[in-house]
Protein backbone atom coordinates (compact mmCIF):
# COMPACT_ATOMS: atom_id res chain seq x y z
CA MET A 1 -14.14 -23.15 60.51
CA ALA A 2 -15.99 -20.66 58.87
CA GLU A 3 -17.64 -20.63 55.05
CA ARG A 4 -16.47 -18.09 52.86
CA PHE A 5 -19.56 -15.49 51.52
CA ILE A 6 -19.31 -15.72 47.51
CA PRO A 7 -21.73 -13.31 45.88
CA PRO A 8 -24.08 -14.16 43.41
CA PRO A 9 -22.91 -13.45 40.01
CA GLY A 10 -24.59 -9.83 39.33
CA PRO A 11 -24.80 -8.47 35.62
CA GLY A 12 -21.64 -6.51 36.50
CA ARG A 13 -20.22 -3.56 34.70
CA PRO A 14 -22.82 -2.42 31.74
CA SER A 15 -21.85 -3.27 28.20
CA GLN A 16 -20.39 -0.34 26.20
CA TYR A 17 -21.88 -2.11 22.72
CA LYS A 18 -23.83 0.44 20.81
CA GLU A 19 -26.50 -0.80 17.88
CA GLU A 20 -25.25 1.74 15.72
CA TYR A 21 -21.76 0.07 15.88
CA VAL A 22 -22.84 -2.25 13.57
CA GLU A 23 -23.26 -0.28 10.67
CA ARG A 24 -19.71 1.28 11.51
CA VAL A 25 -18.45 -2.35 12.16
CA ALA A 26 -19.30 -3.29 8.74
CA ASN A 27 -17.63 -0.12 7.11
CA LEU A 28 -14.45 -0.79 8.56
CA ALA A 29 -14.39 -4.65 7.78
CA LEU A 30 -15.25 -3.24 3.84
CA ASN A 31 -12.43 -1.40 4.39
CA GLY A 32 -10.09 -4.28 4.96
CA ALA A 33 -9.69 -3.16 8.96
CA THR A 34 -8.28 -6.56 11.01
CA ASP A 35 -10.47 -7.19 14.26
CA ALA A 36 -7.40 -5.86 15.96
CA GLU A 37 -7.97 -2.27 14.34
CA ILE A 38 -11.64 -2.34 14.62
CA ALA A 39 -11.32 -2.83 18.61
CA ASP A 40 -9.00 -0.01 18.60
CA ASP A 41 -11.48 2.37 16.76
CA LEU A 42 -14.23 1.31 18.53
CA ASP A 43 -11.54 2.08 22.04
CA VAL A 44 -12.39 -1.50 23.31
CA SER A 45 -9.89 -4.81 24.12
CA ILE A 46 -9.85 -7.30 21.26
CA ALA A 47 -11.36 -9.86 23.97
CA THR A 48 -14.21 -7.10 24.55
CA LEU A 49 -14.76 -7.50 20.27
CA TYR A 50 -14.74 -11.11 20.42
CA ASN A 51 -17.18 -11.21 23.23
CA TRP A 52 -19.72 -8.64 21.21
CA ARG A 53 -19.44 -11.37 18.47
CA ALA A 54 -20.57 -13.69 20.60
CA LYS A 55 -23.27 -11.81 21.98
CA HIS A 56 -24.77 -10.02 19.26
CA PRO A 57 -25.55 -12.04 16.16
CA ALA A 58 -26.34 -8.46 14.12
CA PHE A 59 -22.56 -7.45 14.65
CA LEU A 60 -21.19 -10.76 13.77
CA SER A 61 -22.97 -10.46 10.56
CA ALA A 62 -21.83 -6.74 9.53
CA LEU A 63 -18.16 -8.09 10.34
CA LYS A 64 -18.54 -11.33 8.14
CA TYR A 65 -20.29 -9.36 5.52
CA GLY A 66 -17.35 -6.73 5.30
CA LYS A 67 -14.77 -9.22 5.08
CA GLU A 68 -16.57 -11.58 2.85
CA GLN A 69 -17.09 -8.07 0.40
CA SER A 70 -13.42 -6.79 1.26
CA ASN A 71 -11.87 -10.57 0.79
CA GLU A 72 -13.70 -10.75 -2.59
CA ARG A 73 -12.54 -7.60 -4.01
CA VAL A 74 -8.63 -8.50 -3.29
CA GLU A 75 -9.55 -12.15 -4.83
CA ARG A 76 -11.23 -10.03 -8.41
CA SER A 77 -8.37 -7.71 -8.02
CA LEU A 78 -5.67 -10.74 -7.81
CA TYR A 79 -7.83 -12.43 -10.82
CA LEU A 80 -7.62 -9.32 -12.92
CA ARG A 81 -3.83 -8.90 -12.30
CA ALA A 82 -2.80 -12.61 -13.11
CA VAL A 83 -5.36 -12.08 -16.71
CA GLY A 84 -4.31 -8.95 -17.53
CA TYR A 85 -7.28 -5.76 -17.82
CA GLU A 86 -7.72 -2.74 -19.69
CA HIS A 87 -9.06 0.62 -18.11
CA ASP A 88 -9.67 4.26 -18.81
CA ALA A 89 -6.88 6.53 -17.87
CA VAL A 90 -6.09 10.48 -18.59
CA LYS A 91 -2.81 11.89 -19.52
CA VAL A 92 -2.14 15.36 -18.37
CA SER A 93 0.26 17.96 -19.56
CA PHE A 94 0.67 21.46 -19.79
CA ASP A 95 0.36 23.99 -22.77
CA LYS A 96 2.91 27.19 -23.31
CA ASN A 97 0.79 28.98 -20.95
CA GLY A 98 0.48 25.94 -18.20
CA ASN A 99 -3.04 25.30 -18.59
CA PRO A 100 -4.09 22.16 -18.51
CA ILE A 101 -4.34 19.72 -21.42
CA TYR A 102 -6.25 16.36 -21.02
CA ALA A 103 -6.17 13.53 -22.88
CA PRO A 104 -8.10 10.40 -22.56
CA TYR A 105 -6.62 7.09 -23.47
CA ARG A 106 -7.24 3.10 -23.03
CA GLU A 107 -4.20 1.82 -20.57
CA LEU A 108 -3.70 -2.18 -20.77
CA VAL A 109 -2.00 -3.74 -18.08
CA PRO A 110 -0.41 -6.94 -19.07
CA PRO A 111 -0.98 -10.15 -17.24
CA ASP A 112 1.38 -10.60 -13.91
CA PRO A 113 3.56 -13.98 -13.69
CA GLY A 114 3.66 -13.44 -10.30
CA ALA A 115 -0.03 -12.92 -9.80
CA GLN A 116 -0.85 -15.96 -11.74
CA LYS A 117 1.54 -18.43 -10.31
CA LEU A 118 0.37 -17.10 -6.99
CA TRP A 119 -3.28 -17.60 -7.91
CA LEU A 120 -2.58 -21.09 -9.36
CA MET A 121 -0.74 -22.38 -6.09
CA ASN A 122 -3.87 -21.42 -4.36
CA ARG A 123 -6.70 -22.80 -6.05
CA LYS A 124 -4.91 -26.05 -7.53
CA PRO A 125 -2.16 -26.48 -4.96
CA GLU A 126 -1.85 -30.35 -5.93
CA GLU A 127 -0.43 -29.25 -9.39
CA TRP A 128 1.41 -25.72 -8.75
CA LYS A 129 2.93 -26.65 -5.40
CA GLU A 130 6.09 -25.65 -4.79
CA ARG A 131 8.76 -28.43 -4.74
CA VAL A 132 11.82 -28.12 -3.15
CA GLU A 133 14.61 -31.02 -3.22
CA PHE A 134 17.36 -30.40 -1.00
CA THR A 135 20.30 -32.58 -1.96
CA ARG A 136 23.71 -32.71 -2.24
CA PRO A 137 25.76 -33.92 -5.25
CA ASP A 138 28.35 -36.05 -2.62
CA ASP A 139 25.53 -37.84 -0.95
CA PRO A 140 25.24 -41.29 -1.05
CA LEU A 141 21.71 -41.38 -0.43
CA SER A 142 20.97 -38.89 -3.41
CA GLU A 143 22.52 -41.29 -5.30
CA LEU A 144 20.62 -44.18 -4.11
CA LEU A 145 17.83 -42.18 -4.35
CA ALA A 146 18.53 -41.49 -8.43
CA GLU A 147 19.60 -44.81 -8.90
CA MET A 148 15.89 -45.64 -7.48
CA ARG A 149 14.43 -43.17 -9.71
CA LYS A 150 16.23 -44.37 -12.79
CA GLN A 151 15.40 -48.26 -12.16
CA ALA A 152 11.64 -47.40 -11.48
CA GLY A 153 11.19 -45.44 -14.89
CA ILE A 154 10.59 -42.08 -12.85
CA ASN A 155 12.21 -38.97 -14.86
CA ASP A 156 10.69 -35.95 -13.95
CA ASP A 157 10.15 -33.91 -10.91
CA SER A 158 6.37 -34.65 -10.80
CA GLY A 159 7.29 -38.28 -9.69
CA ASN A 160 4.68 -39.57 -11.53
CA SER A 161 5.89 -40.59 -14.86
CA GLY A 162 6.99 -44.43 -15.51
CA SER A 163 5.22 -47.57 -13.71
CA ALA A 164 7.90 -49.72 -13.31
CA GLN A 165 7.85 -51.55 -10.09
CA LEU A 166 11.13 -50.79 -7.82
CA GLU A 167 13.47 -53.68 -7.12
CA PRO A 168 15.67 -53.73 -4.24
CA VAL A 169 19.18 -52.79 -4.77
CA ARG A 170 20.77 -55.23 -2.11
CA SER A 171 18.90 -56.85 0.37
CA PHE A 172 19.69 -57.09 4.17
CA ASP A 173 19.96 -60.40 5.98
CA GLU A 174 21.97 -61.25 9.15
CA ASP A 175 25.22 -62.00 7.73
CA ASP A 176 25.56 -58.05 6.75
CA ALA A 177 24.99 -57.02 10.41
CA VAL A 178 28.24 -55.92 11.90
CA VAL A 179 28.72 -57.24 15.68
CA ARG A 180 31.43 -55.32 17.83
CA ASN A 181 32.39 -56.66 21.31
CA ASP A 182 33.23 -53.81 23.38
CA ASP A 183 35.91 -55.61 25.11
CA SER A 184 37.39 -55.22 21.55
CA ALA A 185 37.08 -51.15 21.30
CA HIS A 186 39.94 -51.03 24.08
């Protein structure tokens, strides 16, 4: 049987990478572009973008820098929405001749409860996570759970008030087991 010839690995197709992409990528990432959008802007596949990140440290640094800066800007904006802020604004009106009249003023943007909740849920998740309990009023397990909470002295949603020990509602022993003979089912 003849051996198959496998050519040695060669240089392959020349890379399309250019050093000027470093600044371009940083600017795209600063403006919030995703990896897919950056690859599209550079007219390459997402796999090529990932290869360039691995092979070109300056490219990777520019990408990371742009993303970090845009993330920090969003964090600052979210924080300002959560606590409220003021900014300079201009009201424009027109006189009877159609000439603009500019009236500068200071606008107050009140705190946004949705932004506050999002901020706290991410910054203090143990204290602000959403708690969802699915219970049906006629569900015997819900009734048992409520009884156990009552016995334990737990009376709030956090589950951490009270220090009483749980006492078994009923213990199980062999006399409680029901044995069914297959012949008795007919």
